[in-house]
């Protein structure tokens, strides 16, 4: 990443309570709270954690792919009007559910004056090679954000529709707004479910929807983001933007089509340990479905929408 200057010190974060930060090199496999399904590591399903994706190198690779594909779809890493803030000031930024930290690391490099905090329930990003203006905080948002009021200039969160129980979204939004400085921006991104899909893909998607309902998460979160911000009451100038993510001929190039298909099939594969049993199919049958879905996604030019919503905390 090279040397990135930053005057930001960890002590400048006004933490409300103790939490674990990561500069340690402990392997995730040594941490408690994980279980193995189908040879892949997941958060312990007996715990109150809804996140449905595995925590391993294969998933980290998919998250990096997803980041670069998402950035291409939007031709940007953000929509909120914060370019001047990023360029001319030293903003404090929070990336909730940072995962592999692709977004955070890229933003750190693009805007070396920014001080970016990545927050997640587990360590999934590089801990030895990282920008000097990046700090990781290990915490569960559902326990409350471990920061004082009015700490951040910008809070960014995406792809968490499978991670929060539906009834917890108002709490999460209120926590985000609480830690935002007056005049600061919040930006959220969530995907819709798939449309224009073939029969094998439909079976997997139906399984996902049923499993999410069973787990208390909401497949239609993307449609409700704007409403969540409006109902919170302390956010103004709320804007919603939508981009369609095509997997076939309507994709802008064969390379983007391939990236879209690989990302979506990768997600289907991630869900296998949870969905195969839920759908009452064998592992082999599920593998066959994902193989068929790979062909269908391009053939049917399947798509889903990505919804970005951003707004400003009332000053």
Protein backbone atom coordinates (compact mmCIF):
# COMPACT_ATOMS: atom_id res chain seq x y z
CA UNK A 1 0.00 0.00 0.00
CA UNK A 2 2.98 2.31 0.55
CA UNK A 3 3.36 4.89 3.26
CA UNK A 4 0.20 6.86 3.86
CA UNK A 5 0.53 9.84 6.17
CA UNK A 6 -2.04 10.24 8.91
CA UNK A 7 -2.17 12.32 12.06
CA UNK A 8 -5.00 10.17 13.29
CA UNK A 9 -4.32 8.32 16.50
CA UNK A 10 -6.42 5.51 17.85
CA UNK A 11 -6.89 7.48 21.07
CA UNK A 12 -8.81 10.11 19.12
CA UNK A 13 -11.70 7.69 18.79
CA UNK A 14 -14.03 8.42 21.63
CA UNK A 15 -14.87 4.88 22.64
CA UNK A 16 -17.82 4.43 24.99
CA UNK A 17 -16.80 1.03 26.26
CA UNK A 18 -14.09 -1.57 25.91
CA UNK A 19 -13.83 -3.46 22.67
CA UNK A 20 -11.22 -5.54 20.88
CA UNK A 21 -9.17 -3.84 18.21
CA UNK A 22 -7.04 -5.83 15.86
CA UNK A 23 -3.46 -5.56 15.55
CA UNK A 24 -3.18 -9.13 16.73
CA UNK A 25 -2.28 -11.98 14.43
CA UNK A 26 -4.48 -14.65 15.95
CA UNK A 27 -6.03 -16.88 13.33
CA UNK A 28 -9.81 -16.80 13.07
CA UNK A 29 -9.81 -20.57 13.41
CA UNK A 30 -8.51 -20.16 16.97
CA UNK A 31 -11.36 -17.86 18.00
CA UNK A 32 -14.45 -19.03 19.77
CA UNK A 33 -17.89 -18.61 18.27
CA UNK A 34 -17.30 -20.44 14.99
CA UNK A 35 -18.45 -23.76 13.61
CA UNK A 36 -17.69 -25.86 10.54
CA UNK A 37 -20.30 -26.73 7.91
CA UNK A 38 -19.38 -28.51 4.71
CA UNK A 39 -15.71 -27.88 5.37
CA UNK A 40 -16.22 -24.10 5.67
CA UNK A 41 -16.14 -21.93 8.77
CA UNK A 42 -19.22 -19.97 9.80
CA UNK A 43 -20.26 -17.95 12.78
CA UNK A 44 -21.77 -20.30 15.35
CA UNK A 45 -25.41 -20.62 14.35
CA UNK A 46 -26.30 -21.21 17.99
CA UNK A 47 -25.20 -17.66 18.73
CA UNK A 48 -27.36 -14.62 18.03
CA UNK A 49 -25.51 -13.84 14.78
CA UNK A 50 -27.48 -13.94 11.53
CA UNK A 51 -24.66 -13.37 9.04
CA UNK A 52 -25.06 -16.27 6.57
CA UNK A 53 -21.68 -16.23 4.81
CA UNK A 54 -18.54 -18.21 5.71
CA UNK A 55 -15.36 -16.73 7.17
CA UNK A 56 -12.51 -18.13 5.08
CA UNK A 57 -10.08 -17.31 2.30
CA UNK A 58 -12.50 -18.35 -0.43
CA UNK A 59 -15.11 -15.92 0.86
CA UNK A 60 -12.50 -13.19 1.24
CA UNK A 61 -11.67 -13.57 -2.46
CA UNK A 62 -15.38 -13.31 -3.31
CA UNK A 63 -15.72 -10.17 -1.20
CA UNK A 64 -12.84 -8.54 -3.09
CA UNK A 65 -14.49 -9.47 -6.41
CA UNK A 66 -17.81 -8.12 -5.15
CA UNK A 67 -16.19 -4.82 -4.17
CA UNK A 68 -14.55 -4.19 -7.54
CA UNK A 69 -17.67 -5.26 -9.42
CA UNK A 70 -19.85 -2.98 -7.26
CA UNK A 71 -17.50 -0.06 -7.79
CA UNK A 72 -17.66 -0.64 -11.55
CA UNK A 73 -21.47 -0.75 -11.52
CA UNK A 74 -21.60 2.61 -9.73
CA UNK A 75 -18.39 4.05 -11.17
CA UNK A 76 -17.65 5.24 -7.65
CA UNK A 77 -17.19 4.06 -4.08
CA UNK A 78 -19.82 6.43 -2.71
CA UNK A 79 -22.69 8.68 -3.78
CA UNK A 80 -22.93 11.10 -0.86
CA UNK A 81 -21.55 14.61 -1.60
CA UNK A 82 -18.39 14.21 0.46
CA UNK A 83 -15.63 14.68 -2.12
CA UNK A 84 -14.61 18.07 -0.73
CA UNK A 85 -14.66 16.70 2.81
CA UNK A 86 -12.42 13.81 1.79
CA UNK A 87 -10.00 15.96 -0.18
CA UNK A 88 -9.63 19.07 1.95
CA UNK A 89 -10.17 17.87 5.51
CA UNK A 90 -9.26 14.96 7.79
CA UNK A 91 -12.62 13.24 8.14
CA UNK A 92 -13.36 10.38 10.50
CA UNK A 93 -15.12 7.61 8.55
CA UNK A 94 -16.77 4.42 9.78
CA UNK A 95 -17.18 1.36 7.53
CA UNK A 96 -19.69 -0.96 9.22
CA UNK A 97 -19.43 -4.65 8.30
CA UNK A 98 -16.12 -3.96 6.57
CA UNK A 99 -15.41 -7.66 5.92
CA UNK A 100 -12.26 -7.98 3.83
CA UNK A 101 -11.93 -4.16 4.00
CA UNK A 102 -11.67 -3.75 0.21
CA UNK A 103 -13.69 -0.53 0.35
CA UNK A 104 -11.84 0.83 3.38
CA UNK A 105 -8.37 0.10 2.04
CA UNK A 106 -9.15 1.66 -1.32
CA UNK A 107 -10.65 4.75 0.30
CA UNK A 108 -7.61 5.04 2.58
CA UNK A 109 -5.35 5.04 -0.47
CA UNK A 110 -7.50 7.41 -2.53
CA UNK A 111 -7.96 9.85 0.36
CA UNK A 112 -4.88 9.72 2.59
CA UNK A 113 -6.20 12.52 4.83
CA UNK A 114 -9.20 10.41 5.80
CA UNK A 115 -9.10 8.37 8.99
CA UNK A 116 -11.10 5.21 8.39
CA UNK A 117 -12.34 2.76 10.99
CA UNK A 118 -13.50 -0.66 9.80
CA UNK A 119 -15.89 -2.46 12.13
CA UNK A 120 -16.92 -6.11 11.96
CA UNK A 121 -17.71 -9.06 14.20
CA UNK A 122 -14.61 -10.90 13.01
CA UNK A 123 -11.21 -10.22 11.48
CA UNK A 124 -11.32 -10.92 7.75
CA UNK A 125 -8.89 -8.39 6.33
CA UNK A 126 -5.10 -8.29 6.17
CA UNK A 127 -3.70 -7.31 9.55
CA UNK A 128 0.01 -7.11 8.69
CA UNK A 129 -0.19 -5.04 5.50
CA UNK A 130 -2.72 -2.24 5.70
CA UNK A 131 -2.91 1.52 5.22
CA UNK A 132 -1.64 3.50 8.19
CA UNK A 133 -4.86 5.52 8.24
CA UNK A 134 -7.00 2.40 8.78
CA UNK A 135 -8.02 1.06 12.18
CA UNK A 136 -10.05 -2.08 12.83
CA UNK A 137 -12.55 -2.44 15.65
CA UNK A 138 -14.08 -5.81 16.45
CA UNK A 139 -17.65 -5.33 17.62
CA UNK A 140 -21.25 -6.38 16.97
CA UNK A 141 -23.43 -3.48 15.86
CA UNK A 142 -26.41 -5.14 17.49
CA UNK A 143 -24.75 -4.56 20.86
CA UNK A 144 -24.48 -0.85 20.03
CA UNK A 145 -21.67 0.98 18.28
CA UNK A 146 -18.72 1.38 20.69
CA UNK A 147 -18.22 5.08 19.99
CA UNK A 148 -19.36 8.31 21.58
CA UNK A 149 -22.03 10.50 20.05
CA UNK A 150 -20.97 12.74 17.15
CA UNK A 151 -17.73 10.88 16.37
CA UNK A 152 -17.79 10.40 12.58
CA UNK A 153 -18.18 12.65 9.55
CA UNK A 154 -19.39 9.80 7.34
CA UNK A 155 -20.74 6.31 8.03
CA UNK A 156 -20.86 3.72 5.25
CA UNK A 157 -22.59 0.33 5.33
CA UNK A 158 -23.47 -2.20 2.64
CA UNK A 159 -24.56 -5.82 2.10
CA UNK A 160 -25.91 -6.31 5.62
CA UNK A 161 -29.46 -7.38 4.72
CA UNK A 162 -28.64 -10.95 5.71
CA UNK A 163 -26.85 -9.92 8.89
CA UNK A 164 -29.47 -8.07 10.94
CA UNK A 165 -32.85 -9.32 12.14
CA UNK A 166 -35.55 -7.25 10.47
CA UNK A 167 -36.74 -5.75 13.76
CA UNK A 168 -33.20 -4.54 14.58
CA UNK A 169 -32.82 -2.26 11.56
CA UNK A 170 -34.33 0.81 13.28
CA UNK A 171 -31.89 0.31 16.16
CA UNK A 172 -28.94 0.02 13.76
CA UNK A 173 -29.98 3.18 11.93
CA UNK A 174 -30.37 5.06 15.21
CA UNK A 175 -26.90 3.94 16.30
CA UNK A 176 -25.42 5.13 13.01
CA UNK A 177 -27.10 8.52 13.36
CA UNK A 178 -26.01 8.78 17.00
CA UNK A 179 -22.30 8.43 16.15
CA UNK A 180 -22.56 10.79 13.16
CA UNK A 181 -21.54 14.38 13.68
CA UNK A 182 -24.25 16.97 12.95
CA UNK A 183 -24.06 17.61 9.22
CA UNK A 184 -22.37 14.25 8.63
CA UNK A 185 -23.56 11.76 6.02
CA UNK A 186 -24.79 8.19 6.27
CA UNK A 187 -24.76 5.97 3.17
CA UNK A 188 -26.32 2.52 2.87
CA UNK A 189 -26.32 -0.01 0.02
CA UNK A 190 -28.33 -3.22 -0.20
CA UNK A 191 -29.27 -5.56 -3.07
CA UNK A 192 -32.72 -6.72 -4.07
CA UNK A 193 -33.49 -10.35 -4.79
CA UNK A 194 -32.92 -11.73 -8.31
CA UNK A 195 -35.30 -11.20 -11.25
CA UNK A 196 -35.56 -12.79 -14.72
CA UNK A 197 -34.20 -16.09 -13.49
CA UNK A 198 -34.25 -19.69 -14.69
CA UNK A 199 -35.76 -22.68 -12.85
CA UNK A 200 -32.62 -23.80 -11.02
CA UNK A 201 -31.83 -20.26 -9.93
CA UNK A 202 -35.44 -19.85 -8.83
CA UNK A 203 -35.17 -22.86 -6.55
CA UNK A 204 -32.07 -21.46 -4.87
CA UNK A 205 -33.58 -17.99 -4.52
CA UNK A 206 -36.78 -19.45 -3.09
CA UNK A 207 -34.63 -21.33 -0.59
CA UNK A 208 -32.79 -18.14 0.32
CA UNK A 209 -36.01 -16.22 0.87
CA UNK A 210 -37.47 -18.99 3.02
CA UNK A 211 -34.25 -19.37 5.02
CA UNK A 212 -34.01 -15.63 5.61
CA UNK A 213 -37.59 -15.56 6.82
CA UNK A 214 -36.85 -18.45 9.15
CA UNK A 215 -33.79 -16.63 10.51
CA UNK A 216 -35.68 -13.36 10.92
CA UNK A 217 -33.78 -11.39 8.28
CA UNK A 218 -35.45 -9.46 5.48
CA UNK A 219 -34.83 -10.15 1.77
CA UNK A 220 -36.61 -6.88 0.91
CA UNK A 221 -34.36 -4.63 3.00
CA UNK A 222 -33.26 -2.65 -0.07
CA UNK A 223 -36.82 -1.37 -0.55
CA UNK A 224 -36.96 -0.06 3.02
CA UNK A 225 -33.66 1.78 3.44
CA UNK A 226 -35.06 5.20 2.60
CA UNK A 227 -37.97 4.66 4.95
CA UNK A 228 -35.65 3.64 7.78
CA UNK A 229 -33.73 6.90 7.43
CA UNK A 230 -36.92 8.95 7.15
CA UNK A 231 -38.47 7.36 10.23
CA UNK A 232 -35.33 7.89 12.30
CA UNK A 233 -36.18 11.56 12.31
CA UNK A 234 -32.70 13.09 12.43
CA UNK A 235 -31.71 12.62 8.78
CA UNK A 236 -32.53 15.08 6.00
CA UNK A 237 -31.79 15.48 2.28
CA UNK A 238 -32.33 11.74 1.78
CA UNK A 239 -31.57 10.49 -1.74
CA UNK A 240 -32.18 7.01 -3.19
CA UNK A 241 -30.29 5.73 -6.23
CA UNK A 242 -30.79 2.39 -8.01
CA UNK A 243 -28.54 0.46 -10.39
CA UNK A 244 -29.52 -2.75 -12.19
CA UNK A 245 -26.85 -5.45 -12.09
CA UNK A 246 -27.17 -7.62 -15.19
CA UNK A 247 -25.55 -11.01 -15.69
CA UNK A 248 -25.94 -11.46 -19.46
CA UNK A 249 -26.18 -9.41 -22.64
CA UNK A 250 -27.30 -6.24 -20.84
CA UNK A 251 -24.08 -6.21 -18.84
CA UNK A 252 -21.70 -3.62 -20.25
CA UNK A 253 -19.09 -6.17 -21.35
CA UNK A 254 -18.41 -9.92 -21.33
CA UNK A 255 -15.96 -9.35 -18.48
CA UNK A 256 -18.60 -7.65 -16.33
CA UNK A 257 -21.07 -10.41 -17.16
CA UNK A 258 -18.52 -12.99 -16.03
CA UNK A 259 -17.79 -11.08 -12.82
CA UNK A 260 -21.51 -10.82 -12.06
CA UNK A 261 -22.06 -14.53 -12.63
CA UNK A 262 -19.01 -15.51 -10.58
CA UNK A 263 -20.10 -13.29 -7.70
CA UNK A 264 -23.67 -14.57 -7.64
CA UNK A 265 -22.69 -18.22 -8.00
CA UNK A 266 -20.10 -17.64 -5.29
CA UNK A 267 -22.88 -16.44 -3.01
CA UNK A 268 -24.99 -19.47 -3.85
CA UNK A 269 -22.04 -21.73 -3.00
CA UNK A 270 -21.58 -19.89 0.29
CA UNK A 271 -25.18 -20.60 1.21
CA UNK A 272 -24.89 -24.33 0.51
CA UNK A 273 -24.25 -25.49 4.10
CA UNK A 274 -27.33 -23.58 5.23
CA UNK A 275 -29.62 -24.13 2.25
CA UNK A 276 -29.06 -27.75 1.27
CA UNK A 277 -30.66 -29.04 4.44
CA UNK A 278 -33.26 -26.30 4.50
CA UNK A 279 -34.28 -27.15 0.91
CA UNK A 280 -34.16 -30.88 1.68
CA UNK A 281 -31.68 -31.62 -1.11
CA UNK A 282 -28.39 -33.50 -0.99
CA UNK A 283 -25.05 -31.73 -1.35
CA UNK A 284 -24.74 -33.18 -4.84
CA UNK A 285 -28.20 -31.97 -5.83
CA UNK A 286 -27.37 -28.49 -4.57
CA UNK A 287 -24.09 -28.51 -6.51
CA UNK A 288 -26.03 -29.44 -9.64
CA UNK A 289 -28.42 -26.55 -9.03
CA UNK A 290 -25.56 -24.06 -8.74
CA UNK A 291 -23.99 -25.45 -11.94
CA UNK A 292 -27.30 -24.99 -13.75
CA UNK A 293 -27.72 -21.52 -12.25
CA UNK A 294 -24.31 -20.48 -13.60
CA UNK A 295 -25.56 -21.13 -17.14
CA UNK A 296 -29.00 -19.64 -16.51
CA UNK A 297 -27.76 -16.33 -15.13
CA UNK A 298 -26.18 -15.36 -18.45
CA UNK A 299 -28.78 -17.10 -20.61
CA UNK A 300 -31.75 -15.35 -18.93
CA UNK A 301 -29.76 -12.14 -18.40
CA UNK A 302 -30.82 -12.28 -14.77
CA UNK A 303 -30.41 -9.17 -12.68
CA UNK A 304 -30.91 -7.63 -9.29
CA UNK A 305 -30.96 -4.02 -8.21
CA UNK A 306 -28.46 -2.37 -5.95
CA UNK A 307 -30.02 0.43 -3.93
CA UNK A 308 -27.90 3.24 -2.48
CA UNK A 309 -29.50 5.62 -0.01
CA UNK A 310 -27.72 8.51 1.65
CA UNK A 311 -28.69 11.44 3.83
CA UNK A 312 -27.33 14.12 6.13
CA UNK A 313 -27.70 14.27 9.90
CA UNK A 314 -29.58 17.40 10.89
CA UNK A 315 -27.12 19.99 12.15
